[in-house]
Protein backbone atom coordinates (compact mmCIF):
# COMPACT_ATOMS: atom_id res chain seq x y z
CA MET A 1 36.14 -18.85 -124.74
CA LYS A 2 38.38 -19.67 -127.66
CA LYS A 3 40.64 -21.74 -125.41
CA ARG A 4 37.64 -23.80 -124.12
CA GLU A 5 36.58 -24.64 -127.72
CA GLU A 6 40.10 -25.83 -128.52
CA THR A 7 40.13 -28.05 -125.40
CA SER A 8 36.83 -29.69 -126.37
CA LYS A 9 38.15 -30.50 -129.83
CA LYS A 10 41.17 -32.48 -128.56
CA PRO A 11 39.29 -35.75 -127.58
CA GLN A 12 37.50 -35.71 -130.91
CA GLU A 13 40.83 -35.40 -132.74
CA LYS A 14 42.29 -38.28 -130.67
CA ARG A 15 39.37 -40.54 -131.57
CA ARG A 16 39.75 -39.68 -135.27
CA ARG A 17 43.48 -40.46 -135.14
CA ARG A 18 42.87 -43.79 -133.29
CA LYS A 19 40.28 -44.83 -135.90
CA LYS A 20 42.64 -43.84 -138.66
CA ASP A 21 45.46 -45.87 -137.03
CA GLU A 22 43.22 -48.94 -136.70
CA GLN A 23 42.29 -48.65 -140.37
CA GLN A 24 46.00 -48.73 -141.22
CA LEU A 25 46.59 -52.04 -139.29
CA THR A 26 47.03 -55.24 -141.22
CA PRO A 27 44.57 -58.12 -140.56
CA GLU A 28 47.31 -59.99 -138.67
CA GLN A 29 47.96 -57.00 -136.40
CA GLN A 30 44.24 -56.55 -135.82
CA ALA A 31 43.88 -60.25 -134.86
CA PHE A 32 46.85 -59.96 -132.50
CA LEU A 33 45.29 -56.99 -130.72
CA GLU A 34 41.98 -58.83 -130.34
CA ARG A 35 43.75 -61.89 -128.86
CA GLU A 36 45.62 -59.66 -126.37
CA GLU A 37 42.37 -57.99 -125.37
CA LYS A 38 40.73 -61.41 -124.75
CA ILE A 39 43.72 -62.61 -122.68
CA GLU A 40 43.57 -59.40 -120.64
CA LYS A 41 39.88 -59.96 -119.87
CA ILE A 42 40.52 -63.62 -118.88
CA ASN A 43 43.36 -62.61 -116.57
CA GLU A 44 41.15 -59.97 -115.04
CA LYS A 45 38.50 -62.61 -114.20
CA LEU A 46 41.10 -65.00 -112.79
CA ASN A 47 42.62 -62.30 -110.59
CA ARG A 48 39.34 -61.36 -108.90
CA PRO A 49 39.24 -64.39 -106.49
CA VAL A 50 42.94 -63.90 -105.70
CA LEU A 51 42.28 -60.27 -104.88
CA GLY A 52 39.30 -61.27 -102.71
CA ILE A 53 41.38 -63.82 -100.78
CA THR A 54 44.09 -61.19 -100.30
CA TYR A 55 41.54 -58.78 -98.83
CA LEU A 56 40.12 -61.56 -96.61
CA PHE A 57 43.53 -62.45 -95.19
CA ALA A 58 44.31 -58.78 -94.62
CA PHE A 59 40.99 -58.42 -92.74
CA LEU A 60 41.72 -61.51 -90.61
CA ILE A 61 45.21 -60.30 -89.75
CA ILE A 62 43.89 -56.88 -88.75
CA GLY A 63 41.12 -58.55 -86.68
CA LEU A 64 43.63 -60.83 -84.95
CA MET A 65 45.86 -57.88 -84.11
CA GLY A 66 42.82 -56.03 -82.76
CA TYR A 67 41.82 -58.98 -80.56
CA ILE A 68 45.38 -59.35 -79.21
CA LEU A 69 45.39 -55.65 -78.29
CA HIS A 70 41.90 -55.97 -76.71
CA PHE A 71 43.04 -59.03 -74.74
CA MET A 72 46.20 -57.32 -73.50
CA ILE A 73 44.40 -54.11 -72.52
CA VAL A 74 40.90 -55.24 -71.44
CA GLU A 75 40.74 -58.98 -70.71
CA LYS A 76 44.24 -59.79 -69.46
CA ASP A 77 43.52 -59.27 -65.76
CA GLN A 78 40.23 -61.20 -65.91
CA VAL A 79 41.88 -64.23 -67.52
CA ILE A 80 44.89 -64.19 -65.20
CA ALA A 81 42.60 -63.72 -62.18
CA ASN A 82 40.37 -66.64 -63.16
CA ALA A 83 40.34 -69.13 -60.29
CA ALA A 84 40.85 -71.99 -62.78
CA ASN A 85 44.25 -70.59 -63.83
CA SER A 86 46.76 -73.14 -62.50
CA ARG A 87 49.62 -70.64 -62.74
CA LEU A 88 48.24 -68.48 -59.94
CA ASP A 89 50.14 -70.41 -57.26
CA LYS A 90 53.41 -69.26 -58.84
CA TYR A 91 52.53 -65.67 -57.94
CA ALA A 92 52.65 -66.63 -54.26
CA ALA A 93 56.35 -67.53 -54.38
CA ASN A 94 57.42 -63.93 -53.74
CA VAL A 95 54.32 -62.59 -51.96
CA ASN A 96 52.81 -63.01 -48.50
CA ARG A 97 49.15 -63.75 -49.18
CA GLY A 98 47.01 -60.65 -48.60
CA ASP A 99 44.18 -60.16 -46.11
CA ILE A 100 40.47 -60.50 -46.71
CA MET A 101 38.32 -57.81 -45.11
CA THR A 102 34.55 -57.21 -44.84
CA SER A 103 32.96 -54.06 -46.21
CA ASP A 104 32.79 -52.68 -42.66
CA GLY A 105 36.49 -53.24 -41.94
CA LYS A 106 36.67 -56.61 -40.14
CA VAL A 107 39.71 -58.69 -41.15
CA VAL A 108 38.36 -62.21 -41.69
CA ALA A 109 41.46 -63.86 -43.20
CA THR A 110 45.11 -63.01 -42.59
CA ASN A 111 48.49 -64.65 -41.94
CA LYS A 112 49.85 -65.84 -38.62
CA GLY A 113 53.45 -66.88 -39.11
CA ASP A 114 53.51 -69.31 -42.01
CA ASN A 115 49.85 -70.27 -41.57
CA ARG A 116 46.60 -68.77 -42.81
CA TYR A 117 44.50 -67.51 -39.91
CA TYR A 118 40.74 -66.87 -39.71
CA PRO A 119 39.96 -64.66 -36.67
CA TYR A 120 36.21 -65.45 -36.65
CA ASP A 121 36.54 -69.24 -36.89
CA ASN A 122 33.34 -70.75 -38.37
CA LEU A 123 31.45 -67.51 -38.96
CA PHE A 124 32.67 -66.91 -42.54
CA ALA A 125 33.65 -70.53 -43.26
CA HIS A 126 31.94 -70.97 -46.64
CA ALA A 127 31.85 -67.36 -47.83
CA VAL A 128 35.54 -66.66 -47.20
CA GLY A 129 36.60 -70.29 -47.66
CA TYR A 130 40.10 -71.65 -47.16
CA SER A 131 43.43 -71.32 -49.00
CA GLU A 132 44.68 -74.89 -48.74
CA TYR A 133 43.98 -77.91 -50.98
CA SER A 134 41.58 -76.90 -53.76
CA LYS A 135 40.72 -73.53 -52.14
CA ALA A 136 37.15 -72.24 -51.82
CA GLY A 137 35.09 -69.06 -51.42
CA ILE A 138 36.83 -65.69 -51.67
CA GLU A 139 40.15 -67.42 -51.03
CA LEU A 140 39.58 -69.09 -54.42
CA ILE A 141 37.94 -66.38 -56.53
CA GLY A 142 40.25 -63.68 -55.17
CA THR A 143 43.48 -65.69 -55.14
CA TYR A 144 45.09 -63.66 -57.96
CA TYR A 145 44.63 -60.40 -56.07
CA LEU A 146 45.67 -61.92 -52.74
CA SER A 147 48.83 -63.28 -54.37
CA ASP A 148 49.70 -60.02 -56.12
CA SER A 149 51.49 -57.08 -54.52
CA ASN A 150 51.04 -53.40 -55.27
CA ALA A 151 53.44 -52.30 -52.57
CA ASN A 152 55.74 -49.32 -53.16
CA VAL A 153 58.26 -49.94 -55.98
CA PHE A 154 61.21 -48.97 -53.78
CA GLU A 155 59.94 -51.30 -51.04
CA LYS A 156 59.69 -54.16 -53.53
CA PHE A 157 63.24 -53.46 -54.70
CA VAL A 158 64.56 -53.56 -51.13
CA ASN A 159 62.65 -56.80 -50.42
CA THR A 160 64.20 -58.35 -53.54
CA LEU A 161 67.69 -57.46 -52.30
CA ARG A 162 66.89 -58.92 -48.89
CA GLU A 163 65.27 -61.97 -50.48
CA GLU A 164 62.11 -61.24 -48.54
CA LYS A 165 58.51 -61.58 -49.74
CA ASN A 166 56.36 -58.58 -50.61
CA GLU A 167 53.07 -57.95 -48.82
CA GLY A 168 50.06 -59.12 -50.84
CA ASP A 169 47.05 -56.97 -51.64
CA THR A 170 43.91 -56.89 -49.51
CA VAL A 171 40.61 -58.09 -50.93
CA VAL A 172 37.64 -56.10 -49.61
CA ALA A 173 34.53 -58.28 -49.69
CA THR A 174 30.93 -57.11 -50.12
CA LEU A 175 30.09 -59.01 -46.92
CA ASP A 176 28.69 -57.11 -43.95
CA TYR A 177 29.87 -58.42 -40.57
CA ASP A 178 26.69 -57.63 -38.62
CA LEU A 179 24.39 -59.21 -41.22
CA GLN A 180 26.63 -62.27 -41.47
CA LYS A 181 26.63 -62.75 -37.71
CA THR A 182 22.88 -62.19 -37.43
CA ALA A 183 22.16 -64.75 -40.16
CA TYR A 184 24.60 -67.21 -38.61
CA ASP A 185 23.09 -66.86 -35.12
CA ALA A 186 19.51 -66.93 -36.40
CA LEU A 187 20.09 -70.26 -38.14
CA GLY A 188 21.38 -71.62 -34.82
CA ASN A 189 22.06 -75.36 -34.79
CA ALA A 190 19.89 -75.99 -37.84
CA ASP A 191 21.42 -77.03 -41.14
CA GLY A 192 20.61 -74.81 -44.08
CA ALA A 193 21.63 -71.59 -45.79
CA VAL A 194 21.06 -67.84 -45.82
CA VAL A 195 21.83 -65.45 -48.68
CA VAL A 196 21.44 -61.67 -48.33
CA MET A 197 22.02 -59.45 -51.35
CA GLU A 198 21.32 -56.03 -52.84
CA PRO A 199 18.83 -56.39 -55.73
CA ASP A 200 20.07 -53.39 -57.73
CA THR A 201 23.78 -54.26 -57.60
CA GLY A 202 24.06 -58.01 -56.98
CA LYS A 203 26.34 -57.47 -53.98
CA ILE A 204 26.19 -60.40 -51.57
CA LEU A 205 25.98 -58.94 -48.06
CA ALA A 206 25.86 -62.26 -46.19
CA MET A 207 26.26 -65.92 -47.09
CA VAL A 208 25.88 -68.60 -44.42
CA SER A 209 25.88 -72.36 -44.79
CA LYS A 210 25.47 -75.00 -42.09
CA PRO A 211 26.81 -77.45 -41.07
CA ASP A 212 30.01 -75.45 -41.08
CA PHE A 213 33.64 -75.92 -40.08
CA ASN A 214 36.58 -74.03 -38.64
CA PRO A 215 38.95 -73.15 -41.51
CA ASN A 216 41.78 -72.87 -38.96
CA ASP A 217 41.50 -76.68 -38.69
CA ILE A 218 41.18 -77.29 -42.42
CA ASP A 219 43.71 -80.16 -42.43
CA ALA A 220 41.58 -82.25 -40.07
CA VAL A 221 38.34 -81.15 -41.74
CA TRP A 222 39.65 -82.05 -45.19
CA GLU A 223 40.90 -85.43 -44.04
CA GLU A 224 37.56 -86.33 -42.47
CA ALA A 225 35.51 -85.08 -45.42
CA ASN A 226 37.60 -87.13 -47.86
CA ARG A 227 37.93 -90.24 -45.72
CA GLU A 228 36.61 -93.38 -47.41
CA GLY A 229 33.01 -93.95 -46.32
CA SER A 230 32.71 -90.46 -44.79
CA GLU A 231 29.24 -88.88 -44.88
CA SER A 232 30.53 -85.43 -43.93
CA SER A 233 29.15 -82.60 -46.06
CA VAL A 234 30.56 -79.68 -44.06
CA LEU A 235 32.63 -78.45 -47.02
CA LEU A 236 29.53 -78.12 -49.19
CA ASN A 237 28.38 -74.51 -49.46
CA ARG A 238 24.65 -75.09 -49.28
CA ALA A 239 23.94 -71.47 -50.23
CA SER A 240 25.39 -71.78 -53.74
CA GLN A 241 25.99 -75.51 -54.21
CA GLY A 242 23.03 -77.09 -52.41
CA LEU A 243 19.98 -78.12 -54.44
CA TYR A 244 16.56 -78.41 -52.80
CA PRO A 245 12.92 -78.73 -53.86
CA PRO A 246 11.71 -75.10 -53.85
CA GLY A 247 8.36 -75.83 -52.24
CA SER A 248 5.84 -73.03 -52.49
CA THR A 249 8.48 -70.42 -53.37
CA PHE A 250 8.23 -71.96 -56.85
CA LYS A 251 4.65 -70.72 -57.09
CA VAL A 252 6.05 -67.28 -57.94
CA LEU A 253 7.36 -68.54 -61.30
CA THR A 254 4.29 -70.72 -61.85
CA THR A 255 2.21 -67.55 -61.38
CA LEU A 256 4.35 -65.65 -63.88
CA SER A 257 4.06 -68.48 -66.42
CA TYR A 258 0.28 -68.56 -66.02
CA MET A 259 0.07 -64.77 -66.48
CA ARG A 260 2.12 -64.94 -69.66
CA GLN A 261 0.12 -67.79 -71.13
CA ASN A 262 -3.22 -66.24 -70.12
CA PRO A 263 -2.71 -62.45 -70.38
CA ILE A 264 -6.43 -61.68 -69.94
CA GLU A 265 -7.86 -64.74 -68.21
CA TYR A 266 -5.43 -64.68 -65.25
CA LYS A 267 -7.33 -61.67 -63.85
CA ARG A 268 -10.48 -63.79 -63.66
CA TYR A 269 -8.86 -66.94 -62.29
CA SER A 270 -10.90 -68.66 -59.58
CA TYR A 271 -10.64 -71.95 -57.71
CA ASP A 272 -12.84 -73.31 -54.95
CA CYS A 273 -10.59 -74.95 -52.35
CA SER A 274 -13.39 -76.48 -50.30
CA LEU A 275 -12.21 -80.10 -50.15
CA GLN A 276 -9.30 -81.30 -48.05
CA GLU A 277 -8.06 -83.33 -51.00
CA SER A 278 -8.64 -83.22 -54.76
CA ILE A 279 -7.47 -85.22 -57.78
CA PHE A 280 -5.50 -83.60 -60.66
CA ASN A 281 -4.23 -85.68 -63.59
CA GLY A 282 -4.75 -88.76 -61.44
CA VAL A 283 -2.72 -87.34 -58.53
CA SER A 284 -4.16 -86.60 -55.08
CA VAL A 285 -3.27 -83.08 -53.84
CA HIS A 286 -3.92 -81.44 -50.47
CA CYS A 287 -2.90 -78.11 -48.99
CA TYR A 288 -0.52 -77.80 -46.03
CA ASN A 289 -1.99 -79.57 -42.97
CA HIS A 290 -5.03 -80.45 -45.13
CA LYS A 291 -6.33 -76.91 -44.72
CA THR A 292 -9.07 -75.57 -47.01
CA HIS A 293 -9.05 -71.98 -48.29
CA GLY A 294 -12.42 -71.52 -49.94
CA GLU A 295 -12.78 -69.38 -53.08
CA GLN A 296 -9.39 -68.23 -54.35
CA ASP A 297 -8.35 -65.78 -57.04
CA LEU A 298 -4.73 -65.78 -58.24
CA SER A 299 -3.42 -63.34 -55.63
CA SER A 300 -5.19 -65.15 -52.77
CA ALA A 301 -3.94 -68.53 -54.00
CA LEU A 302 -0.36 -67.22 -53.77
CA ALA A 303 -0.92 -65.44 -50.45
CA ASN A 304 -2.48 -68.52 -48.84
CA SER A 305 -0.12 -70.90 -50.67
CA CYS A 306 -3.04 -73.01 -51.90
CA ASN A 307 -1.57 -76.20 -53.36
CA GLN A 308 -4.84 -77.29 -54.93
CA ALA A 309 -5.22 -74.01 -56.82
CA TYR A 310 -1.69 -74.32 -58.18
CA ALA A 311 -2.19 -77.95 -59.14
CA ASP A 312 -5.22 -76.71 -61.09
CA ILE A 313 -3.10 -73.94 -62.68
CA GLY A 314 -0.41 -76.45 -63.61
CA THR A 315 -2.87 -78.61 -65.55
CA GLN A 316 -3.75 -75.54 -67.65
CA LEU A 317 -0.18 -74.62 -68.57
CA ASP A 318 1.54 -75.39 -71.84
CA VAL A 319 4.55 -77.31 -70.53
CA GLU A 320 6.98 -76.22 -73.26
CA ALA A 321 6.15 -72.53 -72.75
CA TRP A 322 6.38 -73.05 -68.99
CA ARG A 323 9.82 -74.59 -69.43
CA ASP A 324 10.89 -71.67 -71.66
CA THR A 325 9.99 -69.20 -68.91
CA LEU A 326 11.94 -71.17 -66.31
CA GLU A 327 14.99 -71.46 -68.53
CA GLU A 328 14.89 -67.69 -69.05
CA PHE A 329 15.28 -67.56 -65.27
CA LEU A 330 18.33 -69.87 -65.50
CA PHE A 331 16.87 -73.27 -64.67
CA ASN A 332 19.01 -75.93 -66.38
CA LYS A 333 21.72 -73.28 -66.92
CA SER A 334 24.83 -72.12 -65.10
CA LEU A 335 24.40 -69.09 -62.88
CA PRO A 336 26.43 -65.96 -63.77
CA TYR A 337 28.43 -66.25 -60.56
CA THR A 338 32.22 -66.51 -60.27
CA ASP A 339 32.31 -69.08 -57.45
CA ALA A 340 31.21 -72.70 -57.87
CA SER A 341 27.43 -72.96 -57.96
CA ALA A 342 24.91 -75.72 -58.62
CA THR A 343 22.61 -75.81 -61.65
CA SER A 344 18.93 -75.64 -60.72
CA ARG A 345 16.80 -78.23 -62.50
CA PHE A 346 13.41 -78.38 -64.17
CA TYR A 347 12.66 -81.72 -65.78
CA LEU A 348 9.21 -81.36 -67.36
CA GLU A 349 8.94 -81.48 -71.16
CA GLY A 350 6.04 -81.58 -73.58
CA ASP A 351 5.87 -85.38 -73.61
CA THR A 352 6.38 -85.86 -69.85
CA ASP A 353 3.79 -87.94 -67.98
CA LYS A 354 1.04 -85.47 -67.03
CA GLY A 355 0.93 -87.00 -63.56
CA TYR A 356 4.11 -85.05 -62.71
CA ILE A 357 2.55 -81.67 -63.51
CA PRO A 358 0.32 -80.98 -60.44
CA GLN A 359 3.03 -81.34 -57.80
CA THR A 360 5.62 -79.58 -59.94
CA ALA A 361 3.35 -76.53 -60.13
CA PHE A 362 3.63 -75.96 -56.38
CA GLY A 363 7.34 -76.81 -56.03
CA GLN A 364 7.41 -80.50 -55.22
CA GLY A 365 8.29 -83.25 -57.67
CA ASP A 366 11.77 -83.31 -59.18
CA THR A 367 12.36 -79.55 -59.49
CA LEU A 368 15.46 -78.36 -57.59
CA ILE A 369 16.93 -74.93 -56.83
CA SER A 370 19.78 -73.42 -54.82
CA PRO A 371 19.21 -70.71 -52.17
CA LEU A 372 21.43 -68.33 -54.20
CA HIS A 373 19.34 -68.87 -57.33
CA ASN A 374 16.13 -68.30 -55.38
CA ALA A 375 17.61 -65.02 -54.10
CA MET A 376 18.47 -63.97 -57.67
CA ILE A 377 14.91 -64.60 -58.86
CA MET A 378 13.44 -62.52 -56.02
CA ALA A 379 16.08 -59.82 -56.64
CA THR A 380 14.98 -59.66 -60.29
CA ILE A 381 11.44 -58.78 -59.20
CA ALA A 382 12.76 -56.27 -56.65
CA ASN A 383 14.96 -54.66 -59.33
CA GLY A 384 12.16 -54.00 -61.80
CA GLY A 385 12.74 -57.14 -63.90
CA LEU A 386 16.52 -56.72 -64.40
CA MET A 387 18.60 -59.61 -63.06
CA MET A 388 22.01 -58.60 -61.71
CA LYS A 389 25.03 -60.88 -61.53
CA PRO A 390 25.84 -61.67 -57.89
CA TYR A 391 29.36 -60.92 -56.68
CA MET A 392 31.32 -60.97 -53.42
CA ILE A 393 34.48 -58.90 -54.03
CA ASP A 394 33.98 -55.15 -53.79
CA SER A 395 37.53 -53.84 -54.29
CA VAL A 396 41.25 -54.52 -53.95
CA GLU A 397 43.66 -52.42 -51.87
CA ASN A 398 47.38 -52.64 -51.30
CA TYR A 399 48.41 -53.63 -47.79
CA LYS A 400 48.56 -49.97 -46.74
CA GLY A 401 44.96 -49.30 -47.75
CA ALA A 402 45.36 -47.56 -51.11
CA ARG A 403 42.67 -48.69 -53.55
CA ILE A 404 43.98 -50.60 -56.58
CA LYS A 405 40.79 -51.84 -58.21
CA LYS A 406 37.03 -51.35 -57.81
CA PHE A 407 34.48 -53.91 -59.04
CA SER A 408 31.27 -52.56 -60.55
CA PRO A 409 27.80 -54.15 -60.69
CA SER A 410 27.01 -56.07 -63.85
CA SER A 411 23.58 -56.97 -65.23
CA TYR A 412 22.60 -60.34 -66.71
CA ALA A 413 19.37 -59.58 -68.59
CA THR A 414 15.94 -58.00 -68.32
CA LEU A 415 13.60 -60.94 -67.67
CA MET A 416 10.29 -59.27 -66.79
CA THR A 417 8.17 -56.35 -67.92
CA ALA A 418 7.35 -53.47 -65.59
CA ARG A 419 3.71 -54.62 -65.55
CA GLU A 420 4.67 -58.19 -64.53
CA VAL A 421 6.86 -56.78 -61.75
CA GLU A 422 4.05 -54.56 -60.49
CA ILE A 423 1.52 -57.40 -60.35
CA LEU A 424 3.84 -59.95 -58.74
CA THR A 425 5.03 -57.41 -56.17
CA SER A 426 1.45 -56.70 -55.11
CA TYR A 427 0.81 -60.46 -54.84
CA LEU A 428 3.96 -60.97 -52.75
CA GLN A 429 2.99 -58.11 -50.45
CA LYS A 430 -0.29 -59.87 -49.81
CA VAL A 431 1.70 -62.92 -48.63
CA THR A 432 3.35 -60.88 -45.85
CA GLU A 433 0.34 -58.73 -44.98
CA GLU A 434 -2.55 -61.22 -45.16
CA GLY A 435 -1.13 -64.62 -46.03
CA THR A 436 1.31 -67.22 -44.73
CA ALA A 437 4.01 -64.74 -43.63
CA ALA A 438 1.72 -62.16 -42.00
CA ASP A 439 2.32 -63.38 -38.44
CA TYR A 440 6.07 -62.83 -38.87
CA PHE A 441 6.01 -59.32 -40.34
CA ASP A 442 2.89 -57.63 -38.96
CA SER A 443 4.94 -55.73 -36.35
CA ALA A 444 7.82 -54.77 -38.65
CA ASP A 445 8.70 -51.09 -39.20
CA TYR A 446 9.34 -51.81 -42.88
CA ARG A 447 7.27 -53.37 -45.65
CA VAL A 448 8.12 -56.77 -47.09
CA ALA A 449 7.15 -58.67 -50.22
CA GLY A 450 7.99 -62.36 -50.21
CA LYS A 451 7.00 -66.00 -50.33
CA THR A 452 7.10 -68.79 -47.78
CA GLY A 453 7.61 -72.41 -48.73
CA THR A 454 7.53 -75.87 -47.20
CA ALA A 455 8.92 -78.79 -49.18
CA GLU A 456 8.50 -82.37 -48.01
CA TYR A 457 11.31 -84.86 -48.47
CA ALA A 458 12.30 -88.34 -47.30
CA ASN A 459 8.85 -89.58 -48.34
CA GLY A 460 7.17 -86.84 -46.34
CA ALA A 461 9.05 -87.60 -43.12
CA HIS A 462 10.76 -84.20 -42.96
CA ASP A 463 10.31 -80.63 -44.17
CA TYR A 464 12.48 -77.99 -45.76
CA SER A 465 11.41 -74.50 -44.71
CA TRP A 466 11.86 -71.62 -47.20
CA PHE A 467 11.48 -67.87 -47.29
CA VAL A 468 12.48 -65.52 -50.10
CA GLY A 469 11.60 -61.86 -50.15
CA PHE A 470 12.68 -58.24 -50.26
CA SER A 471 12.12 -55.24 -48.02
CA SER A 472 11.20 -51.59 -48.53
CA VAL A 473 8.76 -52.49 -51.28
CA GLU A 474 8.51 -49.03 -52.89
CA HIS A 475 12.31 -48.78 -53.18
CA PRO A 476 13.64 -52.32 -52.60
CA GLU A 477 16.89 -52.37 -50.63
CA VAL A 478 17.73 -55.93 -49.67
CA VAL A 479 16.77 -59.49 -50.63
CA VAL A 480 16.83 -62.46 -48.24
CA SER A 481 16.74 -66.14 -49.17
CA VAL A 482 16.58 -68.68 -46.32
CA LEU A 483 16.50 -72.48 -46.43
CA VAL A 484 16.24 -74.59 -43.26
CA GLU A 485 16.66 -78.37 -43.35
CA GLN A 486 14.51 -80.56 -41.06
CA SER A 487 12.56 -77.59 -39.75
CA ASP A 488 9.97 -80.05 -38.44
CA VAL A 489 12.66 -81.43 -36.09
CA ASN A 490 14.70 -78.37 -35.06
CA GLY A 491 11.75 -75.98 -34.97
CA VAL A 492 13.59 -73.26 -36.91
CA LYS A 493 11.38 -71.55 -39.51
CA ALA A 494 12.92 -69.78 -42.48
CA THR A 495 10.58 -66.79 -42.19
CA ALA A 496 11.66 -66.22 -38.58
CA VAL A 497 15.31 -66.25 -39.67
CA ALA A 498 14.54 -63.77 -42.44
CA ARG A 499 12.79 -61.45 -39.98
CA GLN A 500 15.87 -61.36 -37.73
CA VAL A 501 18.14 -60.60 -40.70
CA LEU A 502 15.90 -57.79 -41.96
CA ASP A 503 15.62 -56.31 -38.45
CA ALA A 504 19.43 -56.25 -38.25
CA TYR A 505 19.63 -54.55 -41.64
CA TYR A 506 17.35 -51.71 -40.56
CA GLN A 507 18.87 -51.37 -37.12
């Protein structure tokens, strides 16, 4: 206790001594001390920014080091594997380009002597692509893996001594041979495209584009396609690079826009389609073959593909909000897809001439979409509102079959609520059970939700035929998007093609 009292007295004694010392200072000494104290405070203020800058640079250096480590560990392979990397060809100097194989084990690209060989000729032309010139398809997006070798280390050492090339890795595609062949055969001699994909993963199971070509004859094909004055479009992958008016398949997004802008009123929507032709915003509109549908609610208008009802809906939409919904679904934006793809277009703005609105609402006008994009939109509905990024490489193996890398599904964004998905799915079921697609699916052993479409072009002289939909409605398994050019001439209907593809999937 005594010791604690002594300790508490010490600071008091120090203060008394300091006061006594200050009292003993001369005025000059006191002034000197005050000046020093002021200088110390000024220096302290001046040093604060310097200290802040020092901390900032230290933070930036640490951040840069962190990014370099992240790049080297996480992003290195993605950047090197990017198809736009011009250094990839240097990898091929010491490696025999690897094989490309379907998910069910069919080798669709390999080497034959010094040449690249495609055993199935035209069947996988656009999906697998070609390895010469600018490359295309999987040959392009998978070129890093095909030009890399994960052969045994000892084997690589021996090959180096012998000055022989190592065997490149095998790219295993998501493509399914049977579905690819079915889609290819179903399209027949018609030009167009078919995309088949899993809605919950984004895996592309089939991708067909016609007219096609034989990649074994790529030199002649390339020369003809690039000849001055040539009209050949065989190298164009219509599935991902072709742009077409969506026709009545666009009514799905018009319906969604109307529901969002009229959350209560859409349930009471009604239109009397009793005239063969009606005027909307000064534009004459008729339904397909000038058919009349009578009284239509929103679900019936979609099921029967009533153009007049959708022209009426279009005139009620706020164009800017409509555009916002479409851009959420990637109109006027690049698709999250590694291969080259076209940008779908929606041109309407708030100040656009209102005469363009009626036809745009049912998929005519200047709106354009690719078959792949249409598949992605339908897959979003099938997947509960979550859009997945489409992809076509499943894994990479060394040439002896040991897995090196596995690619996982990746989501883009949630674009719809569960309630919106539920309503649109019920509407799309009505299309296949009572509406325009009922004749094609009434005998199917599986349930389908989807939308047909017919888009006129060449001033109404020809038709594009569309179908987009998904099967096993309760637990969606596969999405099909079909586009047929000049269906009025070749007689091939997109819905019939889709039926054959879905039958093959379930068989």
